[in-house]
Amino acid sequence: GAYAIGGMSAFIPNRRDPEVTARAAEKVTAD
């Protein structure tokens, strides 16, 4: 009856770089 909480994907977006942000979103989505 306990909650299972997942971990942190290390990928983060960069608001100045759309390509980095898209890659982070893709990695985090899969995770």
PDB file of all heavy atoms in Angstrom:
ATOM      1  N   GLY A   1       0.787  -1.217   0.000  1.00  0.00           N
ATOM      2  CA  GLY A   1       0.000   0.000   0.000  1.00  0.00           C
ATOM      3  C   GLY A   1       0.821   1.269   0.000  1.00  0.00           C
ATOM      4  O   GLY A   1       0.320   2.338   0.382  1.00  0.00           O
ATOM      5  N   ALA A   2       2.060   1.184  -0.430  1.00  0.00           N
ATOM      6  CA  ALA A   2       2.966   2.335  -0.465  1.00  0.00           C
ATOM      7  C   ALA A   2       3.091   2.861  -1.888  1.00  0.00           C
ATOM      8  O   ALA A   2       2.944   2.121  -2.863  1.00  0.00           O
ATOM      9  CB  ALA A   2       4.347   1.943   0.072  1.00  0.00           C
ATOM     10  N   TYR A   3       3.380   4.142  -2.005  1.00  0.00           N
ATOM     11  CA  TYR A   3       3.602   4.756  -3.306  1.00  0.00           C
ATOM     12  C   TYR A   3       5.012   4.434  -3.793  1.00  0.00           C
ATOM     13  O   TYR A   3       5.970   4.436  -3.014  1.00  0.00           O
ATOM     14  CB  TYR A   3       3.465   6.267  -3.213  1.00  0.00           C
ATOM     15  CG  TYR A   3       2.045   6.786  -3.124  1.00  0.00           C
ATOM     16  CD1 TYR A   3       1.157   6.299  -2.179  1.00  0.00           C
ATOM     17  CD2 TYR A   3       1.604   7.790  -3.970  1.00  0.00           C
ATOM     18  CE1 TYR A   3      -0.138   6.782  -2.085  1.00  0.00           C
ATOM     19  CE2 TYR A   3       0.307   8.297  -3.888  1.00  0.00           C
ATOM     20  CZ  TYR A   3      -0.554   7.785  -2.943  1.00  0.00           C
ATOM     21  OH  TYR A   3      -1.836   8.262  -2.845  1.00  0.00           O
ATOM     22  N   ALA A   4       5.123   4.209  -5.100  1.00  0.00           N
ATOM     23  CA  ALA A   4       6.429   4.042  -5.745  1.00  0.00           C
ATOM     24  C   ALA A   4       6.690   5.280  -6.594  1.00  0.00           C
ATOM     25  O   ALA A   4       5.933   5.566  -7.531  1.00  0.00           O
ATOM     26  CB  ALA A   4       6.440   2.790  -6.616  1.00  0.00           C
ATOM     27  N   ILE A   5       7.739   6.016  -6.265  1.00  0.00           N
ATOM     28  CA  ILE A   5       8.060   7.267  -6.951  1.00  0.00           C
ATOM     29  C   ILE A   5       9.313   7.073  -7.792  1.00  0.00           C
ATOM     30  O   ILE A   5      10.334   6.592  -7.298  1.00  0.00           O
ATOM     31  CB  ILE A   5       8.261   8.414  -5.945  1.00  0.00           C
ATOM     32  CG1 ILE A   5       7.056   8.525  -4.998  1.00  0.00           C
ATOM     33  CG2 ILE A   5       8.494   9.727  -6.683  1.00  0.00           C
ATOM     34  CD1 ILE A   5       5.738   8.816  -5.674  1.00  0.00           C
ATOM     35  N   GLY A   6       9.221   7.451  -9.049  1.00  0.00           N
ATOM     36  CA  GLY A   6      10.341   7.283  -9.967  1.00  0.00           C
ATOM     37  C   GLY A   6      11.419   8.327  -9.770  1.00  0.00           C
ATOM     38  O   GLY A   6      11.285   9.256  -8.963  1.00  0.00           O
ATOM     39  N   GLY A   7      12.492   8.183 -10.531  1.00  0.00           N
ATOM     40  CA  GLY A   7      13.668   9.025 -10.353  1.00  0.00           C
ATOM     41  C   GLY A   7      13.736  10.167 -11.339  1.00  0.00           C
ATOM     42  O   GLY A   7      12.810  10.432 -12.106  1.00  0.00           O
ATOM     43  N   MET A   8      14.850  10.844 -11.316  1.00  0.00           N
ATOM     44  CA  MET A   8      15.033  12.052 -12.119  1.00  0.00           C
ATOM     45  C   MET A   8      15.896  11.767 -13.335  1.00  0.00           C
ATOM     46  O   MET A   8      17.042  11.343 -13.214  1.00  0.00           O
ATOM     47  CB  MET A   8      15.691  13.157 -11.288  1.00  0.00           C
ATOM     48  CG  MET A   8      15.766  14.487 -12.012  1.00  0.00           C
ATOM     49  SD  MET A   8      16.620  15.735 -11.039  1.00  0.00           S
ATOM     50  CE  MET A   8      18.331  15.207 -11.206  1.00  0.00           C
ATOM     51  N   SER A   9      15.328  11.993 -14.510  1.00  0.00           N
ATOM     52  CA  SER A   9      16.142  12.013 -15.716  1.00  0.00           C
ATOM     53  C   SER A   9      16.989  13.280 -15.692  1.00  0.00           C
ATOM     54  O   SER A   9      16.494  14.354 -15.359  1.00  0.00           O
ATOM     55  CB  SER A   9      15.247  11.990 -16.959  1.00  0.00           C
ATOM     56  OG  SER A   9      16.022  12.142 -18.126  1.00  0.00           O
ATOM     57  N   ALA A  10      18.257  13.150 -16.038  1.00  0.00           N
ATOM     58  CA  ALA A  10      19.160  14.292 -15.900  1.00  0.00           C
ATOM     59  C   ALA A  10      19.025  15.307 -17.033  1.00  0.00           C
ATOM     60  O   ALA A  10      19.539  16.424 -16.921  1.00  0.00           O
ATOM     61  CB  ALA A  10      20.609  13.804 -15.841  1.00  0.00           C
ATOM     62  N   PHE A  11      18.339  14.954 -18.108  1.00  0.00           N
ATOM     63  CA  PHE A  11      18.228  15.863 -19.253  1.00  0.00           C
ATOM     64  C   PHE A  11      17.347  17.058 -18.896  1.00  0.00           C
ATOM     65  O   PHE A  11      16.276  16.912 -18.310  1.00  0.00           O
ATOM     66  CB  PHE A  11      17.646  15.137 -20.462  1.00  0.00           C
ATOM     67  CG  PHE A  11      18.535  14.055 -20.987  1.00  0.00           C
ATOM     68  CD1 PHE A  11      18.387  12.753 -20.544  1.00  0.00           C
ATOM     69  CD2 PHE A  11      19.531  14.337 -21.910  1.00  0.00           C
ATOM     70  CE1 PHE A  11      19.227  11.747 -21.015  1.00  0.00           C
ATOM     71  CE2 PHE A  11      20.370  13.340 -22.378  1.00  0.00           C
ATOM     72  CZ  PHE A  11      20.217  12.043 -21.928  1.00  0.00           C
ATOM     73  N   ILE A  12      17.813  18.250 -19.269  1.00  0.00           N
ATOM     74  CA  ILE A  12      17.052  19.466 -18.985  1.00  0.00           C
ATOM     75  C   ILE A  12      16.985  20.321 -20.246  1.00  0.00           C
ATOM     76  O   ILE A  12      17.864  20.261 -21.107  1.00  0.00           O
ATOM     77  CB  ILE A  12      17.679  20.280 -17.837  1.00  0.00           C
ATOM     78  CG1 ILE A  12      19.163  20.577 -18.114  1.00  0.00           C
ATOM     79  CG2 ILE A  12      17.494  19.568 -16.503  1.00  0.00           C
ATOM     80  CD1 ILE A  12      19.790  21.507 -17.092  1.00  0.00           C
ATOM     81  N   PRO A  13      15.911  21.120 -20.376  1.00  0.00           N
ATOM     82  CA  PRO A  13      15.780  21.981 -21.550  1.00  0.00           C
ATOM     83  C   PRO A  13      16.680  23.199 -21.464  1.00  0.00           C
ATOM     84  O   PRO A  13      17.208  23.533 -20.398  1.00  0.00           O
ATOM     85  CB  PRO A  13      14.303  22.385 -21.515  1.00  0.00           C
ATOM     86  CG  PRO A  13      13.939  22.333 -20.072  1.00  0.00           C
ATOM     87  CD  PRO A  13      14.757  21.215 -19.478  1.00  0.00           C
ATOM     88  N   ASN A  14      16.833  23.853 -22.602  1.00  0.00           N
ATOM     89  CA  ASN A  14      17.574  25.106 -22.678  1.00  0.00           C
ATOM     90  C   ASN A  14      16.692  26.074 -23.457  1.00  0.00           C
ATOM     91  O   ASN A  14      16.476  25.887 -24.651  1.00  0.00           O
ATOM     92  CB  ASN A  14      18.920  24.898 -23.372  1.00  0.00           C
ATOM     93  CG  ASN A  14      19.774  26.159 -23.398  1.00  0.00           C
ATOM     94  OD1 ASN A  14      19.247  27.273 -23.393  1.00  0.00           O
ATOM     95  ND2 ASN A  14      21.090  25.990 -23.421  1.00  0.00           N
ATOM     96  N   ARG A  15      16.174  27.065 -22.760  1.00  0.00           N
ATOM     97  CA  ARG A  15      15.206  27.965 -23.398  1.00  0.00           C
ATOM     98  C   ARG A  15      15.817  28.773 -24.539  1.00  0.00           C
ATOM     99  O   ARG A  15      15.077  29.364 -25.339  1.00  0.00           O
ATOM    100  CB  ARG A  15      14.602  28.893 -22.339  1.00  0.00           C
ATOM    101  CG  ARG A  15      13.705  28.146 -21.352  1.00  0.00           C
ATOM    102  CD  ARG A  15      13.263  29.004 -20.189  1.00  0.00           C
ATOM    103  NE  ARG A  15      12.364  28.260 -19.302  1.00  0.00           N
ATOM    104  CZ  ARG A  15      11.956  28.689 -18.117  1.00  0.00           C
ATOM    105  NH1 ARG A  15      12.365  29.876 -17.667  1.00  0.00           N
ATOM    106  NH2 ARG A  15      11.145  27.954 -17.382  1.00  0.00           N
ATOM    107  N   ARG A  16      17.136  28.784 -24.637  1.00  0.00           N
ATOM    108  CA  ARG A  16      17.800  29.506 -25.721  1.00  0.00           C
ATOM    109  C   ARG A  16      18.189  28.580 -26.882  1.00  0.00           C
ATOM    110  O   ARG A  16      18.722  29.055 -27.879  1.00  0.00           O
ATOM    111  CB  ARG A  16      19.052  30.216 -25.196  1.00  0.00           C
ATOM    112  CG  ARG A  16      18.754  31.316 -24.179  1.00  0.00           C
ATOM    113  CD  ARG A  16      20.020  32.028 -23.735  1.00  0.00           C
ATOM    114  NE  ARG A  16      20.941  31.123 -23.065  1.00  0.00           N
ATOM    115  CZ  ARG A  16      20.872  30.811 -21.783  1.00  0.00           C
ATOM    116  NH1 ARG A  16      19.902  31.319 -21.031  1.00  0.00           N
ATOM    117  NH2 ARG A  16      21.743  29.986 -21.232  1.00  0.00           N
ATOM    118  N   ASP A  17      17.927  27.293 -26.731  1.00  0.00           N
ATOM    119  CA  ASP A  17      18.343  26.327 -27.756  1.00  0.00           C
ATOM    120  C   ASP A  17      17.217  25.331 -27.993  1.00  0.00           C
ATOM    121  O   ASP A  17      17.086  24.339 -27.263  1.00  0.00           O
ATOM    122  CB  ASP A  17      19.621  25.607 -27.293  1.00  0.00           C
ATOM    123  CG  ASP A  17      20.260  24.787 -28.406  1.00  0.00           C
ATOM    124  OD1 ASP A  17      19.520  24.283 -29.279  1.00  0.00           O
ATOM    125  OD2 ASP A  17      21.498  24.620 -28.390  1.00  0.00           O
ATOM    126  N   PRO A  18      16.383  25.557 -29.006  1.00  0.00           N
ATOM    127  CA  PRO A  18      15.237  24.668 -29.264  1.00  0.00           C
ATOM    128  C   PRO A  18      15.640  23.221 -29.524  1.00  0.00           C
ATOM    129  O   PRO A  18      14.906  22.301 -29.150  1.00  0.00           O
ATOM    130  CB  PRO A  18      14.585  25.289 -30.501  1.00  0.00           C
ATOM    131  CG  PRO A  18      15.029  26.721 -30.498  1.00  0.00           C
ATOM    132  CD  PRO A  18      16.402  26.711 -29.920  1.00  0.00           C
ATOM    133  N   GLU A  19      16.794  23.005 -30.131  1.00  0.00           N
ATOM    134  CA  GLU A  19      17.228  21.640 -30.412  1.00  0.00           C
ATOM    135  C   GLU A  19      17.536  20.882 -29.117  1.00  0.00           C
ATOM    136  O   GLU A  19      17.141  19.719 -28.956  1.00  0.00           O
ATOM    137  CB  GLU A  19      18.466  21.661 -31.316  1.00  0.00           C
ATOM    138  CG  GLU A  19      18.928  20.272 -31.737  1.00  0.00           C
ATOM    139  CD  GLU A  19      20.123  20.330 -32.682  1.00  0.00           C
ATOM    140  OE1 GLU A  19      20.291  21.346 -33.387  1.00  0.00           O
ATOM    141  OE2 GLU A  19      20.892  19.337 -32.701  1.00  0.00           O
ATOM    142  N   VAL A  20      18.217  21.534 -28.201  1.00  0.00           N
ATOM    143  CA  VAL A  20      18.494  20.914 -26.900  1.00  0.00           C
ATOM    144  C   VAL A  20      17.190  20.634 -26.159  1.00  0.00           C
ATOM    145  O   VAL A  20      17.012  19.568 -25.565  1.00  0.00           O
ATOM    146  CB  VAL A  20      19.415  21.825 -26.063  1.00  0.00           C
ATOM    147  CG1 VAL A  20      19.472  21.349 -24.611  1.00  0.00           C
ATOM    148  CG2 VAL A  20      20.820  21.849 -26.657  1.00  0.00           C
ATOM    149  N   THR A  21      16.277  21.584 -26.223  1.00  0.00           N
ATOM    150  CA  THR A  21      15.000  21.415 -25.532  1.00  0.00           C
ATOM    151  C   THR A  21      14.211  20.256 -26.113  1.00  0.00           C
ATOM    152  O   THR A  21      13.622  19.449 -25.375  1.00  0.00           O
ATOM    153  CB  THR A  21      14.186  22.716 -25.616  1.00  0.00           C
ATOM    154  OG1 THR A  21      14.904  23.748 -24.931  1.00  0.00           O
ATOM    155  CG2 THR A  21      12.810  22.548 -24.998  1.00  0.00           C
ATOM    156  N   ALA A  22      14.202  20.140 -27.426  1.00  0.00           N
ATOM    157  CA  ALA A  22      13.477  19.037 -28.067  1.00  0.00           C
ATOM    158  C   ALA A  22      14.088  17.696 -27.691  1.00  0.00           C
ATOM    159  O   ALA A  22      13.367  16.715 -27.434  1.00  0.00           O
ATOM    160  CB  ALA A  22      13.484  19.225 -29.581  1.00  0.00           C
ATOM    161  N   ARG A  23      15.416  17.637 -27.639  1.00  0.00           N
ATOM    162  CA  ARG A  23      16.085  16.388 -27.276  1.00  0.00           C
ATOM    163  C   ARG A  23      15.791  16.024 -25.816  1.00  0.00           C
ATOM    164  O   ARG A  23      15.536  14.855 -25.488  1.00  0.00           O
ATOM    165  CB  ARG A  23      17.585  16.508 -27.504  1.00  0.00           C
ATOM    166  CG  ARG A  23      18.340  15.198 -27.281  1.00  0.00           C
ATOM    167  CD  ARG A  23      19.730  15.233 -27.914  1.00  0.00           C
ATOM    168  NE  ARG A  23      20.578  16.269 -27.351  1.00  0.00           N
ATOM    169  CZ  ARG A  23      20.974  17.364 -28.010  1.00  0.00           C
ATOM    170  NH1 ARG A  23      20.571  17.562 -29.264  1.00  0.00           N
ATOM    171  NH2 ARG A  23      21.757  18.256 -27.437  1.00  0.00           N
ATOM    172  N   ALA A  24      15.797  17.023 -24.934  1.00  0.00           N
ATOM    173  CA  ALA A  24      15.477  16.762 -23.531  1.00  0.00           C
ATOM    174  C   ALA A  24      14.053  16.247 -23.388  1.00  0.00           C
ATOM    175  O   ALA A  24      13.791  15.288 -22.648  1.00  0.00           O
ATOM    176  CB  ALA A  24      15.674  18.029 -22.700  1.00  0.00           C
ATOM    177  N   ALA A  25      13.114  16.871 -24.105  1.00  0.00           N
ATOM    178  CA  ALA A  25      11.721  16.440 -24.034  1.00  0.00           C
ATOM    179  C   ALA A  25      11.563  15.010 -24.528  1.00  0.00           C
ATOM    180  O   ALA A  25      10.811  14.215 -23.940  1.00  0.00           O
ATOM    181  CB  ALA A  25      10.838  17.388 -24.848  1.00  0.00           C
ATOM    182  N   GLU A  26      12.283  14.661 -25.571  1.00  0.00           N
ATOM    183  CA  GLU A  26      12.218  13.295 -26.111  1.00  0.00           C
ATOM    184  C   GLU A  26      12.747  12.276 -25.097  1.00  0.00           C
ATOM    185  O   GLU A  26      12.133  11.231 -24.856  1.00  0.00           O
ATOM    186  CB  GLU A  26      13.021  13.214 -27.409  1.00  0.00           C
ATOM    187  CG  GLU A  26      13.058  11.836 -28.041  1.00  0.00           C
ATOM    188  CD  GLU A  26      13.960  11.785 -29.268  1.00  0.00           C
ATOM    189  OE1 GLU A  26      14.499  12.839 -29.669  1.00  0.00           O
ATOM    190  OE2 GLU A  26      14.149  10.677 -29.819  1.00  0.00           O
ATOM    191  N   LYS A  27      13.882  12.596 -24.480  1.00  0.00           N
ATOM    192  CA  LYS A  27      14.481  11.678 -23.505  1.00  0.00           C
ATOM    193  C   LYS A  27      13.601  11.540 -22.269  1.00  0.00           C
ATOM    194  O   LYS A  27      13.391  10.429 -21.749  1.00  0.00           O
ATOM    195  CB  LYS A  27      15.865  12.184 -23.100  1.00  0.00           C
ATOM    196  CG  LYS A  27      16.899  12.182 -24.214  1.00  0.00           C
ATOM    197  CD  LYS A  27      17.433  10.792 -24.475  1.00  0.00           C
ATOM    198  CE  LYS A  27      18.631  10.839 -25.417  1.00  0.00           C
ATOM    199  NZ  LYS A  27      19.141   9.473 -25.706  1.00  0.00           N
ATOM    200  N   VAL A  28      13.093  12.658 -21.775  1.00  0.00           N
ATOM    201  CA  VAL A  28      12.274  12.622 -20.573  1.00  0.00           C
ATOM    202  C   VAL A  28      10.947  11.928 -20.850  1.00  0.00           C
ATOM    203  O   VAL A  28      10.436  11.162 -20.011  1.00  0.00           O
ATOM    204  CB  VAL A  28      12.068  14.046 -20.021  1.00  0.00           C
ATOM    205  CG1 VAL A  28      11.064  14.054 -18.879  1.00  0.00           C
ATOM    206  CG2 VAL A  28      13.405  14.624 -19.555  1.00  0.00           C
ATOM    207  N   THR A  29      10.366  12.143 -22.024  1.00  0.00           N
ATOM    208  CA  THR A  29       9.124  11.455 -22.387  1.00  0.00           C
ATOM    209  C   THR A  29       9.304   9.948 -22.329  1.00  0.00           C
ATOM    210  O   THR A  29       8.482   9.222 -21.743  1.00  0.00           O
ATOM    211  CB  THR A  29       8.670  11.879 -23.788  1.00  0.00           C
ATOM    212  OG1 THR A  29       8.316  13.268 -23.771  1.00  0.00           O
ATOM    213  CG2 THR A  29       7.466  11.067 -24.245  1.00  0.00           C
ATOM    214  N   ALA A  30      10.365   9.457 -22.927  1.00  0.00           N
ATOM    215  CA  ALA A  30      10.609   8.007 -22.924  1.00  0.00           C
ATOM    216  C   ALA A  30      10.824   7.494 -21.510  1.00  0.00           C
ATOM    217  O   ALA A  30      10.312   6.427 -21.142  1.00  0.00           O
ATOM    218  CB  ALA A  30      11.824   7.692 -23.802  1.00  0.00           C
ATOM    219  N   ASP A  31      11.551   8.238 -20.709  1.00  0.00           N
ATOM    220  CA  ASP A  31      11.839   7.822 -19.337  1.00  0.00           C
ATOM    221  C   ASP A  31      10.561   7.762 -18.507  1.00  0.00           C
ATOM    222  O   ASP A  31      10.312   6.788 -17.783  1.00  0.00           O
ATOM    223  CB  ASP A  31      12.842   8.800 -18.721  1.00  0.00           C
ATOM    224  CG  ASP A  31      13.300   8.382 -17.335  1.00  0.00           C
ATOM    225  OD1 ASP A  31      13.890   7.303 -17.207  1.00  0.00           O
ATOM    226  OD2 ASP A  31      13.068   9.153 -16.376  1.00  0.00           O
TER     227      ASP A  31
END
